[in-house]
Amino acid sequence: MQLTKVIGATLLGSALLLSGANAQVKVDKKLPAYTPTKGVSGQINSIGSDTMNNLMALWGEGFKKHYSQVLIEVTGKGSSTAPPALIKGQSTFGPMSRAMKNEEVDEFKKAFGYEPTALATSIDMLAVYVHKDNPIKSLSLQQVDAIFSKTRKGGAKEDITTWGQLGLTGDWADKPISIYGRNSASGTYGYFKSKALFKGDYKDSVKEQAGSASVVQGIANDKYAIGYSGIGYKTADVKAVPLAKDADGEAIGAEPENAYSGKYPLARFLYMYVNKDPKKELDPLRREFIRYVFSKDGQSKVIEDGYFPVTAKIAEKQLKSVGLEMPKVVEAGSAKQ
């Protein structure tokens, strides 16, 4: 197993255990406010995850308030576009909604002699959405698999194609399920395939969308639809269905406390990859952008975009992985944080 996956799994467990079950999402008080410095200029190119497109843009806007001369360009066409862009030197950062695959890490290492650095920036819950008028109460992952997958590796006995098979009655009973999803360039596509489809294959009938917002919009306009997307893309026109790990398990809602407690089955880190030579220090531009992301200011943007911030302990580990230290927070009573 590649090193970044081992680190990612360890950190996710730490984040969820440390944060506790608190329904009101707040930035960790131990995270410092961002303090700008001199000598920062240049251009930041972000190429990668569509799920993180808005988040990278929000970080960029916040960063430019401190450094107005810095140019920032964000392109989100899917996580699979991040590794080649980093390797070719076309991007400064590679946001990904999944960890790099072994072959992607190998290609990077072949080019540079060292592995890319994965920074766990925030926590997302991959939600299964239905139309706001859909009366479905919950789904097990096995049912989700039988809806989306033609291989049913989760163990469901039959293919699920109508809402009646899920217990809905009346006008819903005989209505075919309209399925929406992402395309194969998406990290969300790969994550859902691995976790919700038990590494099985998608049905040919899935309506593949290029972006997360398009999935949600499709469901909002299709009463009998179901699909998946990051929790940050939730709107009033759709609802996230509570999920159970199996038929006998408790259905867990896509709520903040369930991401932090580890109960929600589709919680994940959102990563920002960087090409960091272990023998060299980061240049001022990348150094300060990373410092901003893991500051009180940067993590506030995470909440603004509908995702969940990492704890100070997680942030400190991320900074340390690129040779940076987290500034000390002034003790309570000495200054407002």
Protein backbone atom coordinates (compact mmCIF):
# COMPACT_ATOMS: atom_id res chain seq x y z
CA MET A 1 0.00 0.00 0.00
CA GLN A 2 1.34 3.42 -0.93
CA LEU A 3 2.55 5.69 1.87
CA THR A 4 0.02 8.48 1.20
CA LYS A 5 -2.88 6.05 1.69
CA VAL A 6 -1.48 4.83 4.99
CA ILE A 7 -1.03 8.40 6.22
CA GLY A 8 -4.47 9.39 4.97
CA ALA A 9 -6.22 6.56 6.78
CA THR A 10 -4.38 7.32 10.02
CA LEU A 11 -5.15 11.02 9.88
CA LEU A 12 -8.82 10.53 9.06
CA GLY A 13 -9.22 8.34 12.10
CA SER A 14 -7.46 10.93 14.24
CA ALA A 15 -9.60 13.78 12.90
CA LEU A 16 -12.85 12.02 13.58
CA LEU A 17 -11.88 10.87 17.06
CA LEU A 18 -10.47 14.18 18.18
CA SER A 19 -13.33 16.37 17.02
CA GLY A 20 -16.19 14.73 18.93
CA ALA A 21 -19.89 14.74 18.17
CA ASN A 22 -20.77 18.40 17.79
CA ALA A 23 -23.55 19.27 15.37
CA GLN A 24 -22.45 22.90 15.09
CA VAL A 25 -19.34 23.06 12.92
CA LYS A 26 -16.71 25.48 14.13
CA VAL A 27 -13.05 26.06 13.39
CA ASP A 28 -10.75 24.58 16.03
CA LYS A 29 -9.82 27.35 18.48
CA LYS A 30 -6.25 26.09 18.45
CA LEU A 31 -5.82 27.04 14.80
CA PRO A 32 -3.99 30.38 14.38
CA ALA A 33 -5.28 33.31 12.35
CA TYR A 34 -3.29 33.84 9.16
CA THR A 35 -0.59 36.50 9.33
CA PRO A 36 0.74 37.73 5.95
CA THR A 37 4.40 38.24 5.18
CA LYS A 38 6.49 40.05 2.56
CA GLY A 39 8.00 38.81 -0.67
CA VAL A 40 5.03 36.78 -1.97
CA SER A 41 4.21 37.06 -5.67
CA GLY A 42 3.61 34.95 -8.76
CA GLN A 43 0.82 32.76 -10.10
CA ILE A 44 -0.99 29.80 -8.55
CA ASN A 45 -2.46 27.23 -10.93
CA SER A 46 -4.81 24.67 -9.39
CA ILE A 47 -5.74 21.71 -11.60
CA GLY A 48 -7.73 18.74 -10.35
CA SER A 49 -10.88 17.87 -8.42
CA ASP A 50 -14.23 19.34 -9.42
CA THR A 51 -15.49 18.62 -5.90
CA MET A 52 -12.86 21.05 -4.58
CA ASN A 53 -13.29 23.63 -7.34
CA ASN A 54 -15.27 26.10 -5.23
CA LEU A 55 -13.06 25.50 -2.20
CA MET A 56 -9.85 26.23 -4.10
CA ALA A 57 -11.50 29.38 -5.48
CA LEU A 58 -12.55 30.51 -1.99
CA TRP A 59 -9.03 29.93 -0.67
CA GLY A 60 -7.69 31.85 -3.66
CA GLU A 61 -9.97 34.82 -3.00
CA GLY A 62 -9.03 34.89 0.67
CA PHE A 63 -5.34 34.63 -0.15
CA LYS A 64 -5.53 37.50 -2.68
CA LYS A 65 -6.86 39.81 0.03
CA HIS A 66 -3.38 39.59 1.55
CA TYR A 67 -1.45 39.44 -1.73
CA SER A 68 -3.39 41.34 -4.41
CA GLN A 69 -0.60 40.94 -6.96
CA VAL A 70 -0.81 37.13 -6.94
CA LEU A 71 -2.66 35.59 -9.90
CA ILE A 72 -4.80 32.53 -9.22
CA GLU A 73 -6.36 30.17 -11.77
CA VAL A 74 -8.53 27.21 -10.75
CA THR A 75 -9.47 24.40 -13.15
CA GLY A 76 -11.62 21.55 -11.87
CA LYS A 77 -12.17 18.73 -14.34
CA GLY A 78 -11.65 15.77 -12.04
CA SER A 79 -9.08 14.35 -9.63
CA SER A 80 -7.41 12.25 -12.33
CA THR A 81 -6.23 15.46 -14.02
CA ALA A 82 -4.20 16.49 -10.96
CA PRO A 83 -1.26 14.00 -11.10
CA PRO A 84 -0.30 14.60 -14.77
CA ALA A 85 -0.57 18.38 -14.31
CA LEU A 86 1.79 18.23 -11.33
CA ILE A 87 4.21 15.96 -13.19
CA LYS A 88 4.28 18.24 -16.25
CA GLY A 89 4.75 21.33 -14.08
CA GLN A 90 1.45 22.80 -15.28
CA SER A 91 0.01 23.23 -11.79
CA THR A 92 1.10 24.58 -8.43
CA PHE A 93 -1.35 22.43 -6.49
CA GLY A 94 -3.34 19.31 -7.37
CA PRO A 95 -6.63 19.11 -5.43
CA MET A 96 -8.03 15.56 -5.27
CA SER A 97 -11.11 14.07 -3.65
CA ARG A 98 -9.27 10.77 -3.29
CA ALA A 99 -5.74 9.65 -2.57
CA MET A 100 -3.47 9.13 -5.57
CA LYS A 101 -3.43 5.62 -6.97
CA ASN A 102 -0.25 3.53 -6.80
CA GLU A 103 0.40 4.00 -10.51
CA GLU A 104 -0.02 7.79 -10.23
CA VAL A 105 2.48 7.94 -7.38
CA ASP A 106 4.87 5.74 -9.36
CA GLU A 107 4.68 8.05 -12.39
CA PHE A 108 5.40 11.05 -10.20
CA LYS A 109 8.31 9.31 -8.48
CA LYS A 110 9.73 8.27 -11.84
CA ALA A 111 9.77 11.93 -12.89
CA PHE A 112 11.18 13.44 -9.69
CA GLY A 113 12.75 10.73 -7.58
CA TYR A 114 10.45 11.30 -4.62
CA GLU A 115 6.73 10.95 -3.91
CA PRO A 116 4.18 13.76 -4.07
CA THR A 117 3.00 15.18 -0.75
CA ALA A 118 -0.68 14.79 0.10
CA LEU A 119 -2.15 17.47 2.36
CA ALA A 120 -5.46 16.52 4.01
CA THR A 121 -7.20 19.90 3.86
CA SER A 122 -10.77 19.20 4.92
CA ILE A 123 -13.40 16.52 5.46
CA ASP A 124 -16.25 15.71 3.07
CA MET A 125 -19.19 13.36 3.24
CA LEU A 126 -20.18 11.79 -0.05
CA ALA A 127 -23.97 11.96 0.00
CA VAL A 128 -26.55 9.87 -1.85
CA TYR A 129 -29.13 12.40 -3.03
CA VAL A 130 -32.77 12.05 -4.09
CA HIS A 131 -35.38 14.63 -5.09
CA LYS A 132 -36.70 16.67 -2.17
CA ASP A 133 -40.18 15.11 -2.57
CA ASN A 134 -38.91 11.54 -2.42
CA PRO A 135 -40.28 9.80 0.73
CA ILE A 136 -37.40 7.29 1.06
CA LYS A 137 -36.20 7.19 4.70
CA SER A 138 -32.85 5.38 4.40
CA LEU A 139 -30.76 2.99 2.33
CA SER A 140 -28.20 0.33 3.15
CA LEU A 141 -24.94 0.29 1.19
CA GLN A 142 -26.05 -3.05 -0.26
CA GLN A 143 -29.18 -1.37 -1.64
CA VAL A 144 -27.10 1.51 -2.99
CA ASP A 145 -24.87 -1.05 -4.70
CA ALA A 146 -27.87 -2.82 -6.25
CA ILE A 147 -29.18 0.53 -7.55
CA PHE A 148 -25.92 1.77 -9.09
CA SER A 149 -23.94 -1.37 -9.89
CA LYS A 150 -24.45 -4.19 -12.39
CA THR A 151 -22.12 -6.52 -10.50
CA ARG A 152 -23.72 -6.25 -6.99
CA LYS A 153 -20.53 -7.16 -5.13
CA GLY A 154 -22.19 -5.92 -1.93
CA GLY A 155 -24.24 -9.09 -1.85
CA ALA A 156 -27.74 -7.89 -2.81
CA LYS A 157 -29.82 -10.76 -4.18
CA GLU A 158 -31.52 -8.79 -6.94
CA ASP A 159 -31.03 -5.79 -9.14
CA ILE A 160 -32.96 -2.72 -7.95
CA THR A 161 -34.57 -0.74 -10.75
CA THR A 162 -37.83 0.67 -9.32
CA TRP A 163 -38.69 2.68 -6.21
CA GLY A 164 -41.24 0.02 -5.21
CA GLN A 165 -38.38 -2.43 -4.63
CA LEU A 166 -37.19 -0.05 -1.91
CA GLY A 167 -40.56 -0.05 -0.16
CA LEU A 168 -42.17 3.01 -1.72
CA THR A 169 -45.87 2.71 -2.50
CA GLY A 170 -48.57 4.56 -4.42
CA ASP A 171 -47.42 6.53 -7.45
CA TRP A 172 -43.79 5.72 -6.63
CA ALA A 173 -44.12 1.93 -6.65
CA ASP A 174 -43.67 1.26 -10.36
CA LYS A 175 -41.50 4.26 -11.23
CA PRO A 176 -38.05 3.41 -12.66
CA ILE A 177 -35.07 4.80 -10.73
CA SER A 178 -33.19 7.40 -12.77
CA ILE A 179 -29.48 7.21 -11.88
CA TYR A 180 -27.01 10.11 -11.93
CA GLY A 181 -23.27 10.00 -11.27
CA ARG A 182 -19.87 11.44 -12.15
CA ASN A 183 -17.58 10.52 -15.02
CA SER A 184 -14.48 8.36 -14.67
CA ALA A 185 -12.12 11.36 -14.46
CA SER A 186 -13.65 12.18 -11.09
CA GLY A 187 -12.17 11.14 -7.77
CA THR A 188 -15.73 11.02 -6.45
CA TYR A 189 -16.55 8.43 -9.14
CA GLY A 190 -13.63 6.29 -7.96
CA TYR A 191 -14.38 6.71 -4.27
CA PHE A 192 -18.05 5.81 -4.69
CA LYS A 193 -17.09 2.80 -6.82
CA SER A 194 -14.71 1.56 -4.13
CA LYS A 195 -16.81 2.22 -1.02
CA ALA A 196 -20.46 2.10 -2.12
CA LEU A 197 -20.17 -0.38 -5.00
CA PHE A 198 -17.66 -2.59 -3.17
CA LYS A 199 -15.26 -2.11 -6.13
CA GLY A 200 -17.92 -3.32 -8.57
CA ASP A 201 -18.89 -1.85 -11.94
CA TYR A 202 -21.41 0.91 -12.60
CA LYS A 203 -24.55 0.20 -14.59
CA ASP A 204 -24.50 1.41 -18.18
CA SER A 205 -27.67 3.39 -17.42
CA VAL A 206 -25.91 5.84 -15.07
CA LYS A 207 -26.20 9.37 -16.47
CA GLU A 208 -22.59 10.53 -16.12
CA GLN A 209 -22.06 14.22 -15.37
CA ALA A 210 -18.86 16.24 -15.75
CA GLY A 211 -19.37 18.12 -12.47
CA SER A 212 -20.75 17.67 -8.96
CA ALA A 213 -23.20 20.55 -9.34
CA SER A 214 -24.57 18.95 -12.52
CA VAL A 215 -25.38 15.75 -10.63
CA VAL A 216 -27.35 17.65 -7.99
CA GLN A 217 -29.10 19.78 -10.61
CA GLY A 218 -30.07 16.67 -12.55
CA ILE A 219 -31.66 15.13 -9.45
CA ALA A 220 -33.43 18.39 -8.60
CA ASN A 221 -35.06 18.35 -12.06
CA ASP A 222 -35.88 14.62 -12.08
CA LYS A 223 -38.41 13.53 -9.44
CA TYR A 224 -37.48 9.85 -9.66
CA ALA A 225 -33.72 10.36 -9.66
CA ILE A 226 -30.91 9.29 -7.34
CA GLY A 227 -27.25 10.23 -7.48
CA TYR A 228 -24.12 10.96 -5.45
CA SER A 229 -22.04 14.08 -4.83
CA GLY A 230 -20.09 15.85 -2.09
CA ILE A 231 -22.09 17.30 0.80
CA GLY A 232 -20.86 20.77 -0.13
CA TYR A 233 -23.10 20.69 -3.21
CA LYS A 234 -26.36 20.04 -1.34
CA THR A 235 -29.25 22.37 -2.23
CA ALA A 236 -32.83 22.83 -1.00
CA ASP A 237 -34.10 20.89 -4.03
CA VAL A 238 -32.54 17.59 -2.98
CA LYS A 239 -32.15 15.60 0.21
CA ALA A 240 -29.32 13.40 1.43
CA VAL A 241 -30.50 9.89 2.31
CA PRO A 242 -29.26 8.41 5.64
CA LEU A 243 -27.04 5.37 4.97
CA ALA A 244 -26.51 2.12 6.87
CA LYS A 245 -23.44 -0.09 6.44
CA ASP A 246 -25.70 -3.15 6.12
CA ALA A 247 -29.36 -4.16 6.35
CA ASP A 248 -29.18 -4.57 10.14
CA GLY A 249 -27.16 -1.43 10.78
CA GLU A 250 -28.27 1.99 11.95
CA ALA A 251 -29.00 4.48 9.18
CA ILE A 252 -26.64 7.44 9.66
CA GLY A 253 -27.48 10.90 8.32
CA ALA A 254 -25.00 13.07 6.42
CA GLU A 255 -24.60 15.42 9.38
CA PRO A 256 -21.38 17.00 10.71
CA GLU A 257 -21.31 15.07 13.98
CA ASN A 258 -21.49 11.79 12.06
CA ALA A 259 -18.49 12.70 9.92
CA TYR A 260 -16.39 13.58 12.97
CA SER A 261 -17.50 10.54 14.99
CA GLY A 262 -16.69 8.19 12.10
CA LYS A 263 -20.25 6.81 11.98
CA TYR A 264 -21.10 8.03 8.49
CA PRO A 265 -19.87 5.34 6.06
CA LEU A 266 -18.82 7.67 3.23
CA ALA A 267 -16.71 10.28 5.07
CA ARG A 268 -13.39 11.16 3.40
CA PHE A 269 -10.55 13.63 3.31
CA LEU A 270 -10.23 16.17 0.51
CA TYR A 271 -6.56 16.42 -0.46
CA MET A 272 -4.33 19.07 -1.96
CA TYR A 273 -1.22 17.53 -3.53
CA VAL A 274 2.03 19.43 -3.89
CA ASN A 275 5.39 18.71 -5.49
CA LYS A 276 7.68 19.14 -2.47
CA ASP A 277 11.32 18.17 -2.88
CA PRO A 278 12.29 16.82 0.56
CA LYS A 279 15.77 18.34 0.14
CA LYS A 280 14.49 21.86 -0.52
CA GLU A 281 12.33 24.41 1.24
CA LEU A 282 9.07 25.56 -0.32
CA ASP A 283 9.11 28.81 -2.27
CA PRO A 284 7.30 31.74 -0.54
CA LEU A 285 4.19 31.51 -2.74
CA ARG A 286 3.42 27.84 -2.06
CA ARG A 287 4.55 28.12 1.55
CA GLU A 288 2.18 30.97 2.34
CA PHE A 289 -0.78 29.49 0.47
CA ILE A 290 -0.43 26.26 2.45
CA ARG A 291 -0.11 28.24 5.67
CA TYR A 292 -3.30 30.09 4.73
CA VAL A 293 -5.23 26.86 4.03
CA PHE A 294 -4.37 25.48 7.46
CA SER A 295 -5.09 28.69 9.34
CA LYS A 296 -8.27 29.81 11.08
CA ASP A 297 -9.04 31.88 7.98
CA GLY A 298 -8.53 29.02 5.53
CA GLN A 299 -10.54 26.52 7.53
CA SER A 300 -13.38 29.05 7.83
CA LYS A 301 -13.60 28.89 4.04
CA VAL A 302 -14.03 25.12 4.34
CA ILE A 303 -17.16 25.66 6.43
CA GLU A 304 -18.37 28.37 4.03
CA ASP A 305 -18.20 25.85 1.18
CA GLY A 306 -20.23 23.26 3.10
CA TYR A 307 -17.40 20.93 4.11
CA PHE A 308 -15.86 20.29 7.53
CA PRO A 309 -12.59 21.75 8.87
CA VAL A 310 -9.67 19.70 10.10
CA THR A 311 -8.52 19.93 13.70
CA ALA A 312 -5.42 21.84 14.79
CA LYS A 313 -3.63 18.55 15.39
CA ILE A 314 -4.33 17.42 11.84
CA ALA A 315 -3.31 20.82 10.46
CA GLU A 316 -0.04 20.69 12.38
CA LYS A 317 0.80 17.29 10.85
CA GLN A 318 0.07 18.55 7.35
CA LEU A 319 2.29 21.60 7.79
CA LYS A 320 5.07 19.47 9.24
CA SER A 321 4.94 17.19 6.16
CA VAL A 322 6.14 20.12 4.02
CA GLY A 323 8.64 21.45 6.56
CA LEU A 324 6.44 24.12 8.15
CA GLU A 325 5.53 24.81 11.76
CA MET A 326 2.14 25.97 12.93
CA PRO A 327 2.27 29.34 14.71
CA LYS A 328 1.28 29.34 18.36
CA VAL A 329 -2.16 30.67 19.23
CA VAL A 330 -2.21 33.40 21.84
CA GLU A 331 -3.67 32.11 25.12
CA ALA A 332 -7.33 32.85 25.76
CA GLY A 333 -7.67 36.15 27.59
CA SER A 334 -4.53 37.59 26.03
CA ALA A 335 -6.16 38.24 22.66
CA LYS A 336 -9.33 37.35 20.81
CA GLN A 337 -9.06 34.41 18.43
